[in-house]
Amino acid sequence: ITNYADSVKGRFTISRDNAKNTMSLQMNR
């Protein structure tokens, strides 16, 4: 499940890697 604020929807992508204990936010445009 992922959720985004309307202001960033379609531009930002959230992801996580549980094996590495990391989370990221790819911000485009």
PDB file of all heavy atoms in Angstrom:
ATOM      1  N   ILE A   1       0.842  -1.185   0.000  1.00  0.00           N
ATOM      2  CA  ILE A   1       0.000   0.000   0.000  1.00  0.00           C
ATOM      3  C   ILE A   1       0.882   1.242   0.000  1.00  0.00           C
ATOM      4  O   ILE A   1       1.816   1.346   0.792  1.00  0.00           O
ATOM      5  CB  ILE A   1      -0.932   0.032   1.223  1.00  0.00           C
ATOM      6  CG1 ILE A   1      -1.816  -1.216   1.254  1.00  0.00           C
ATOM      7  CG2 ILE A   1      -1.784   1.297   1.212  1.00  0.00           C
ATOM      8  CD1 ILE A   1      -2.631  -1.346   2.524  1.00  0.00           C
ATOM      9  N   THR A   2       0.589   2.175  -0.883  1.00  0.00           N
ATOM     10  CA  THR A   2       1.254   3.468  -0.887  1.00  0.00           C
ATOM     11  C   THR A   2       0.213   4.569  -0.973  1.00  0.00           C
ATOM     12  O   THR A   2      -0.838   4.400  -1.582  1.00  0.00           O
ATOM     13  CB  THR A   2       2.242   3.611  -2.051  1.00  0.00           C
ATOM     14  OG1 THR A   2       1.559   3.398  -3.294  1.00  0.00           O
ATOM     15  CG2 THR A   2       3.376   2.609  -1.927  1.00  0.00           C
ATOM     16  N   ASN A   3       0.511   5.695  -0.362  1.00  0.00           N
ATOM     17  CA  ASN A   3      -0.377   6.847  -0.382  1.00  0.00           C
ATOM     18  C   ASN A   3       0.438   8.108  -0.623  1.00  0.00           C
ATOM     19  O   ASN A   3       1.567   8.229  -0.161  1.00  0.00           O
ATOM     20  CB  ASN A   3      -1.147   6.970   0.929  1.00  0.00           C
ATOM     21  CG  ASN A   3      -2.033   5.780   1.206  1.00  0.00           C
ATOM     22  OD1 ASN A   3      -1.669   4.882   1.959  1.00  0.00           O
ATOM     23  ND2 ASN A   3      -3.215   5.768   0.589  1.00  0.00           N
ATOM     24  N   TYR A   4      -0.168   9.049  -1.334  1.00  0.00           N
ATOM     25  CA  TYR A   4       0.512  10.285  -1.670  1.00  0.00           C
ATOM     26  C   TYR A   4      -0.406  11.478  -1.458  1.00  0.00           C
ATOM     27  O   TYR A   4      -1.617  11.395  -1.666  1.00  0.00           O
ATOM     28  CB  TYR A   4       0.961  10.285  -3.128  1.00  0.00           C
ATOM     29  CG  TYR A   4       1.940   9.198  -3.471  1.00  0.00           C
ATOM     30  CD1 TYR A   4       1.509   7.962  -3.932  1.00  0.00           C
ATOM     31  CD2 TYR A   4       3.310   9.407  -3.331  1.00  0.00           C
ATOM     32  CE1 TYR A   4       2.409   6.960  -4.245  1.00  0.00           C
ATOM     33  CE2 TYR A   4       4.216   8.408  -3.644  1.00  0.00           C
ATOM     34  CZ  TYR A   4       3.759   7.189  -4.096  1.00  0.00           C
ATOM     35  OH  TYR A   4       4.660   6.197  -4.413  1.00  0.00           O
ATOM     36  N   ALA A   5       0.193  12.576  -1.046  1.00  0.00           N
ATOM     37  CA  ALA A   5      -0.536  13.826  -1.025  1.00  0.00           C
ATOM     38  C   ALA A   5      -0.872  14.228  -2.453  1.00  0.00           C
ATOM     39  O   ALA A   5      -0.126  13.932  -3.387  1.00  0.00           O
ATOM     40  CB  ALA A   5       0.288  14.917  -0.347  1.00  0.00           C
ATOM     41  N   ASP A   6      -2.000  14.904  -2.624  1.00  0.00           N
ATOM     42  CA  ASP A   6      -2.414  15.306  -3.962  1.00  0.00           C
ATOM     43  C   ASP A   6      -1.361  16.166  -4.663  1.00  0.00           C
ATOM     44  O   ASP A   6      -1.208  16.099  -5.883  1.00  0.00           O
ATOM     45  CB  ASP A   6      -3.739  16.069  -3.900  1.00  0.00           C
ATOM     46  CG  ASP A   6      -4.912  15.172  -3.552  1.00  0.00           C
ATOM     47  OD1 ASP A   6      -4.805  13.943  -3.721  1.00  0.00           O
ATOM     48  OD2 ASP A   6      -5.953  15.704  -3.118  1.00  0.00           O
ATOM     49  N   SER A   7      -0.636  16.952  -3.895  1.00  0.00           N
ATOM     50  CA  SER A   7       0.329  17.869  -4.467  1.00  0.00           C
ATOM     51  C   SER A   7       1.536  17.174  -5.091  1.00  0.00           C
ATOM     52  O   SER A   7       2.237  17.772  -5.910  1.00  0.00           O
ATOM     53  CB  SER A   7       0.805  18.866  -3.408  1.00  0.00           C
ATOM     54  OG  SER A   7       1.412  18.190  -2.321  1.00  0.00           O
ATOM     55  N   VAL A   8       1.789  15.927  -4.710  1.00  0.00           N
ATOM     56  CA  VAL A   8       2.954  15.214  -5.224  1.00  0.00           C
ATOM     57  C   VAL A   8       2.578  13.980  -6.027  1.00  0.00           C
ATOM     58  O   VAL A   8       3.460  13.333  -6.609  1.00  0.00           O
ATOM     59  CB  VAL A   8       3.919  14.810  -4.088  1.00  0.00           C
ATOM     60  CG1 VAL A   8       4.283  16.018  -3.248  1.00  0.00           C
ATOM     61  CG2 VAL A   8       3.311  13.714  -3.218  1.00  0.00           C
ATOM     62  N   LYS A   9       1.324  13.651  -6.071  1.00  0.00           N
ATOM     63  CA  LYS A   9       0.864  12.457  -6.768  1.00  0.00           C
ATOM     64  C   LYS A   9       1.252  12.507  -8.242  1.00  0.00           C
ATOM     65  O   LYS A   9       1.026  13.500  -8.929  1.00  0.00           O
ATOM     66  CB  LYS A   9      -0.649  12.312  -6.613  1.00  0.00           C
ATOM     67  CG  LYS A   9      -1.206  10.954  -7.010  1.00  0.00           C
ATOM     68  CD  LYS A   9      -2.689  10.867  -6.666  1.00  0.00           C
ATOM     69  CE  LYS A   9      -2.920  11.053  -5.166  1.00  0.00           C
ATOM     70  NZ  LYS A   9      -4.362  10.971  -4.805  1.00  0.00           N
ATOM     71  N   GLY A  10       1.858  11.430  -8.706  1.00  0.00           N
ATOM     72  CA  GLY A  10       2.307  11.362 -10.084  1.00  0.00           C
ATOM     73  C   GLY A  10       3.714  11.866 -10.296  1.00  0.00           C
ATOM     74  O   GLY A  10       4.295  11.638 -11.363  1.00  0.00           O
ATOM     75  N   ARG A  11       4.289  12.543  -9.308  1.00  0.00           N
ATOM     76  CA  ARG A  11       5.648  13.065  -9.412  1.00  0.00           C
ATOM     77  C   ARG A  11       6.613  12.377  -8.456  1.00  0.00           C
ATOM     78  O   ARG A  11       7.783  12.185  -8.785  1.00  0.00           O
ATOM     79  CB  ARG A  11       5.676  14.568  -9.133  1.00  0.00           C
ATOM     80  CG  ARG A  11       4.844  15.390 -10.110  1.00  0.00           C
ATOM     81  CD  ARG A  11       5.061  16.885  -9.900  1.00  0.00           C
ATOM     82  NE  ARG A  11       4.645  17.321  -8.568  1.00  0.00           N
ATOM     83  CZ  ARG A  11       5.456  17.861  -7.667  1.00  0.00           C
ATOM     84  NH1 ARG A  11       6.745  18.042  -7.949  1.00  0.00           N
ATOM     85  NH2 ARG A  11       4.989  18.250  -6.482  1.00  0.00           N
ATOM     86  N   PHE A  12       6.132  12.016  -7.273  1.00  0.00           N
ATOM     87  CA  PHE A  12       6.968  11.379  -6.260  1.00  0.00           C
ATOM     88  C   PHE A  12       6.632   9.902  -6.157  1.00  0.00           C
ATOM     89  O   PHE A  12       5.475   9.498  -6.346  1.00  0.00           O
ATOM     90  CB  PHE A  12       6.743  12.019  -4.888  1.00  0.00           C
ATOM     91  CG  PHE A  12       7.243  13.433  -4.751  1.00  0.00           C
ATOM     92  CD1 PHE A  12       7.666  14.170  -5.844  1.00  0.00           C
ATOM     93  CD2 PHE A  12       7.278  14.023  -3.498  1.00  0.00           C
ATOM     94  CE1 PHE A  12       8.117  15.472  -5.707  1.00  0.00           C
ATOM     95  CE2 PHE A  12       7.730  15.320  -3.344  1.00  0.00           C
ATOM     96  CZ  PHE A  12       8.149  16.052  -4.439  1.00  0.00           C
ATOM     97  N   THR A  13       7.632   9.100  -5.828  1.00  0.00           N
ATOM     98  CA  THR A  13       7.440   7.673  -5.634  1.00  0.00           C
ATOM     99  C   THR A  13       8.135   7.231  -4.355  1.00  0.00           C
ATOM    100  O   THR A  13       9.330   7.466  -4.181  1.00  0.00           O
ATOM    101  CB  THR A  13       7.995   6.855  -6.813  1.00  0.00           C
ATOM    102  OG1 THR A  13       7.355   7.261  -8.025  1.00  0.00           O
ATOM    103  CG2 THR A  13       7.730   5.369  -6.596  1.00  0.00           C
ATOM    104  N   ILE A  14       7.382   6.602  -3.460  1.00  0.00           N
ATOM    105  CA  ILE A  14       7.937   6.094  -2.218  1.00  0.00           C
ATOM    106  C   ILE A  14       8.218   4.604  -2.365  1.00  0.00           C
ATOM    107  O   ILE A  14       7.462   3.881  -3.019  1.00  0.00           O
ATOM    108  CB  ILE A  14       6.987   6.370  -1.033  1.00  0.00           C
ATOM    109  CG1 ILE A  14       7.658   6.031   0.296  1.00  0.00           C
ATOM    110  CG2 ILE A  14       5.673   5.617  -1.189  1.00  0.00           C
ATOM    111  CD1 ILE A  14       6.845   6.467   1.517  1.00  0.00           C
ATOM    112  N   SER A  15       9.295   4.145  -1.768  1.00  0.00           N
ATOM    113  CA  SER A  15       9.640   2.735  -1.813  1.00  0.00           C
ATOM    114  C   SER A  15      10.417   2.366  -0.554  1.00  0.00           C
ATOM    115  O   SER A  15      10.847   3.238   0.211  1.00  0.00           O
ATOM    116  CB  SER A  15      10.461   2.403  -3.070  1.00  0.00           C
ATOM    117  OG  SER A  15      11.684   3.120  -3.081  1.00  0.00           O
ATOM    118  N   ARG A  16      10.582   1.078  -0.338  1.00  0.00           N
ATOM    119  CA  ARG A  16      11.345   0.626   0.819  1.00  0.00           C
ATOM    120  C   ARG A  16      12.050  -0.670   0.495  1.00  0.00           C
ATOM    121  O   ARG A  16      11.621  -1.438  -0.375  1.00  0.00           O
ATOM    122  CB  ARG A  16      10.445   0.455   2.049  1.00  0.00           C
ATOM    123  CG  ARG A  16       9.422  -0.669   1.935  1.00  0.00           C
ATOM    124  CD  ARG A  16       8.452  -0.645   3.108  1.00  0.00           C
ATOM    125  NE  ARG A  16       9.113  -0.882   4.373  1.00  0.00           N
ATOM    126  CZ  ARG A  16       8.584  -0.624   5.567  1.00  0.00           C
ATOM    127  NH1 ARG A  16       7.365  -0.097   5.641  1.00  0.00           N
ATOM    128  NH2 ARG A  16       9.261  -0.879   6.672  1.00  0.00           N
ATOM    129  N   ASP A  17      13.132  -0.924   1.204  1.00  0.00           N
ATOM    130  CA  ASP A  17      13.891  -2.152   1.081  1.00  0.00           C
ATOM    131  C   ASP A  17      14.106  -2.680   2.486  1.00  0.00           C
ATOM    132  O   ASP A  17      14.992  -2.225   3.204  1.00  0.00           O
ATOM    133  CB  ASP A  17      15.224  -1.904   0.375  1.00  0.00           C
ATOM    134  CG  ASP A  17      15.965  -3.184   0.059  1.00  0.00           C
ATOM    135  OD1 ASP A  17      15.726  -4.209   0.714  1.00  0.00           O
ATOM    136  OD2 ASP A  17      16.813  -3.167  -0.864  1.00  0.00           O
ATOM    137  N   ASN A  18      13.282  -3.623   2.887  1.00  0.00           N
ATOM    138  CA  ASN A  18      13.341  -4.124   4.250  1.00  0.00           C
ATOM    139  C   ASN A  18      14.642  -4.868   4.547  1.00  0.00           C
ATOM    140  O   ASN A  18      15.100  -4.899   5.689  1.00  0.00           O
ATOM    141  CB  ASN A  18      12.142  -5.031   4.531  1.00  0.00           C
ATOM    142  CG  ASN A  18      10.837  -4.263   4.630  1.00  0.00           C
ATOM    143  OD1 ASN A  18      10.835  -3.040   4.771  1.00  0.00           O
ATOM    144  ND2 ASN A  18       9.729  -4.969   4.550  1.00  0.00           N
ATOM    145  N   ALA A  19      15.235  -5.470   3.531  1.00  0.00           N
ATOM    146  CA  ALA A  19      16.492  -6.174   3.722  1.00  0.00           C
ATOM    147  C   ALA A  19      17.625  -5.215   4.079  1.00  0.00           C
ATOM    148  O   ALA A  19      18.572  -5.594   4.767  1.00  0.00           O
ATOM    149  CB  ALA A  19      16.852  -6.979   2.478  1.00  0.00           C
ATOM    150  N   LYS A  20      17.536  -3.973   3.611  1.00  0.00           N
ATOM    151  CA  LYS A  20      18.557  -2.970   3.872  1.00  0.00           C
ATOM    152  C   LYS A  20      18.135  -1.944   4.915  1.00  0.00           C
ATOM    153  O   LYS A  20      18.890  -1.018   5.216  1.00  0.00           O
ATOM    154  CB  LYS A  20      18.933  -2.252   2.583  1.00  0.00           C
ATOM    155  CG  LYS A  20      19.542  -3.154   1.520  1.00  0.00           C
ATOM    156  CD  LYS A  20      19.901  -2.367   0.278  1.00  0.00           C
ATOM    157  CE  LYS A  20      20.541  -3.259  -0.764  1.00  0.00           C
ATOM    158  NZ  LYS A  20      20.890  -2.508  -2.000  1.00  0.00           N
ATOM    159  N   ASN A  21      16.934  -2.089   5.444  1.00  0.00           N
ATOM    160  CA  ASN A  21      16.407  -1.151   6.443  1.00  0.00           C
ATOM    161  C   ASN A  21      16.415   0.288   5.928  1.00  0.00           C
ATOM    162  O   ASN A  21      16.830   1.215   6.627  1.00  0.00           O
ATOM    163  CB  ASN A  21      17.191  -1.243   7.749  1.00  0.00           C
ATOM    164  CG  ASN A  21      16.947  -2.533   8.494  1.00  0.00           C
ATOM    165  OD1 ASN A  21      16.041  -3.301   8.171  1.00  0.00           O
ATOM    166  ND2 ASN A  21      17.755  -2.784   9.514  1.00  0.00           N
ATOM    167  N   THR A  22      15.968   0.456   4.705  1.00  0.00           N
ATOM    168  CA  THR A  22      15.947   1.782   4.109  1.00  0.00           C
ATOM    169  C   THR A  22      14.608   2.069   3.447  1.00  0.00           C
ATOM    170  O   THR A  22      13.881   1.166   3.048  1.00  0.00           O
ATOM    171  CB  THR A  22      17.055   1.956   3.055  1.00  0.00           C
ATOM    172  OG1 THR A  22      16.904   0.964   2.033  1.00  0.00           O
ATOM    173  CG2 THR A  22      18.428   1.831   3.685  1.00  0.00           C
ATOM    174  N   MET A  23      14.319   3.348   3.342  1.00  0.00           N
ATOM    175  CA  MET A  23      13.157   3.836   2.634  1.00  0.00           C
ATOM    176  C   MET A  23      13.618   5.005   1.783  1.00  0.00           C
ATOM    177  O   MET A  23      14.548   5.722   2.154  1.00  0.00           O
ATOM    178  CB  MET A  23      12.076   4.299   3.620  1.00  0.00           C
ATOM    179  CG  MET A  23      10.853   4.895   2.953  1.00  0.00           C
ATOM    180  SD  MET A  23       9.645   5.576   4.135  1.00  0.00           S
ATOM    181  CE  MET A  23      10.586   6.887   4.898  1.00  0.00           C
ATOM    182  N   SER A  24      12.978   5.207   0.651  1.00  0.00           N
ATOM    183  CA  SER A  24      13.395   6.282  -0.228  1.00  0.00           C
ATOM    184  C   SER A  24      12.194   7.029  -0.785  1.00  0.00           C
ATOM    185  O   SER A  24      11.065   6.542  -0.778  1.00  0.00           O
ATOM    186  CB  SER A  24      14.259   5.750  -1.373  1.00  0.00           C
ATOM    187  OG  SER A  24      13.506   4.905  -2.224  1.00  0.00           O
ATOM    188  N   LEU A  25      12.468   8.228  -1.264  1.00  0.00           N
ATOM    189  CA  LEU A  25      11.460   9.047  -1.930  1.00  0.00           C
ATOM    190  C   LEU A  25      12.089   9.605  -3.194  1.00  0.00           C
ATOM    191  O   LEU A  25      12.988  10.446  -3.122  1.00  0.00           O
ATOM    192  CB  LEU A  25      10.982  10.182  -1.025  1.00  0.00           C
ATOM    193  CG  LEU A  25       9.875  11.070  -1.591  1.00  0.00           C
ATOM    194  CD1 LEU A  25       8.559  10.289  -1.685  1.00  0.00           C
ATOM    195  CD2 LEU A  25       9.685  12.318  -0.735  1.00  0.00           C
ATOM    196  N   GLN A  26      11.643   9.112  -4.329  1.00  0.00           N
ATOM    197  CA  GLN A  26      12.105   9.616  -5.610  1.00  0.00           C
ATOM    198  C   GLN A  26      11.231  10.799  -6.003  1.00  0.00           C
ATOM    199  O   GLN A  26      10.020  10.650  -6.153  1.00  0.00           O
ATOM    200  CB  GLN A  26      12.035   8.526  -6.678  1.00  0.00           C
ATOM    201  CG  GLN A  26      12.464   8.974  -8.067  1.00  0.00           C
ATOM    202  CD  GLN A  26      13.924   9.353  -8.134  1.00  0.00           C
ATOM    203  OE1 GLN A  26      14.773   8.631  -7.622  1.00  0.00           O
ATOM    204  NE2 GLN A  26      14.224  10.491  -8.752  1.00  0.00           N
ATOM    205  N   MET A  27      11.834  11.952  -6.158  1.00  0.00           N
ATOM    206  CA  MET A  27      11.111  13.169  -6.466  1.00  0.00           C
ATOM    207  C   MET A  27      11.476  13.621  -7.878  1.00  0.00           C
ATOM    208  O   MET A  27      12.637  13.924  -8.156  1.00  0.00           O
ATOM    209  CB  MET A  27      11.426  14.267  -5.453  1.00  0.00           C
ATOM    210  CG  MET A  27      11.183  13.853  -4.008  1.00  0.00           C
ATOM    211  SD  MET A  27      11.446  15.215  -2.835  1.00  0.00           S
ATOM    212  CE  MET A  27      13.202  15.497  -3.075  1.00  0.00           C
ATOM    213  N   ASN A  28      10.493  13.662  -8.742  1.00  0.00           N
ATOM    214  CA  ASN A  28      10.688  14.083 -10.118  1.00  0.00           C
ATOM    215  C   ASN A  28       9.892  15.345 -10.403  1.00  0.00           C
ATOM    216  O   ASN A  28       8.907  15.644  -9.731  1.00  0.00           O
ATOM    217  CB  ASN A  28      10.260  12.986 -11.087  1.00  0.00           C
ATOM    218  CG  ASN A  28      11.079  11.723 -10.954  1.00  0.00           C
ATOM    219  OD1 ASN A  28      12.270  11.761 -10.655  1.00  0.00           O
ATOM    220  ND2 ASN A  28      10.442  10.580 -11.201  1.00  0.00           N
ATOM    221  N   ARG A  29      10.327  16.066 -11.424  1.00  0.00           N
ATOM    222  CA  ARG A  29       9.654  17.297 -11.844  1.00  0.00           C
ATOM    223  C   ARG A  29       9.399  18.227 -10.666  1.00  0.00           C
ATOM    224  O   ARG A  29       8.276  18.663 -10.410  1.00  0.00           O
ATOM    225  CB  ARG A  29       8.348  16.963 -12.573  1.00  0.00           C
ATOM    226  CG  ARG A  29       8.563  16.292 -13.928  1.00  0.00           C
ATOM    227  CD  ARG A  29       7.235  15.939 -14.589  1.00  0.00           C
ATOM    228  NE  ARG A  29       6.621  14.773 -13.991  1.00  0.00           N
ATOM    229  CZ  ARG A  29       5.332  14.664 -13.694  1.00  0.00           C
ATOM    230  NH1 ARG A  29       4.510  15.673 -13.941  1.00  0.00           N
ATOM    231  NH2 ARG A  29       4.872  13.542 -13.164  1.00  0.00           N
TER     232      ARG A  29
END
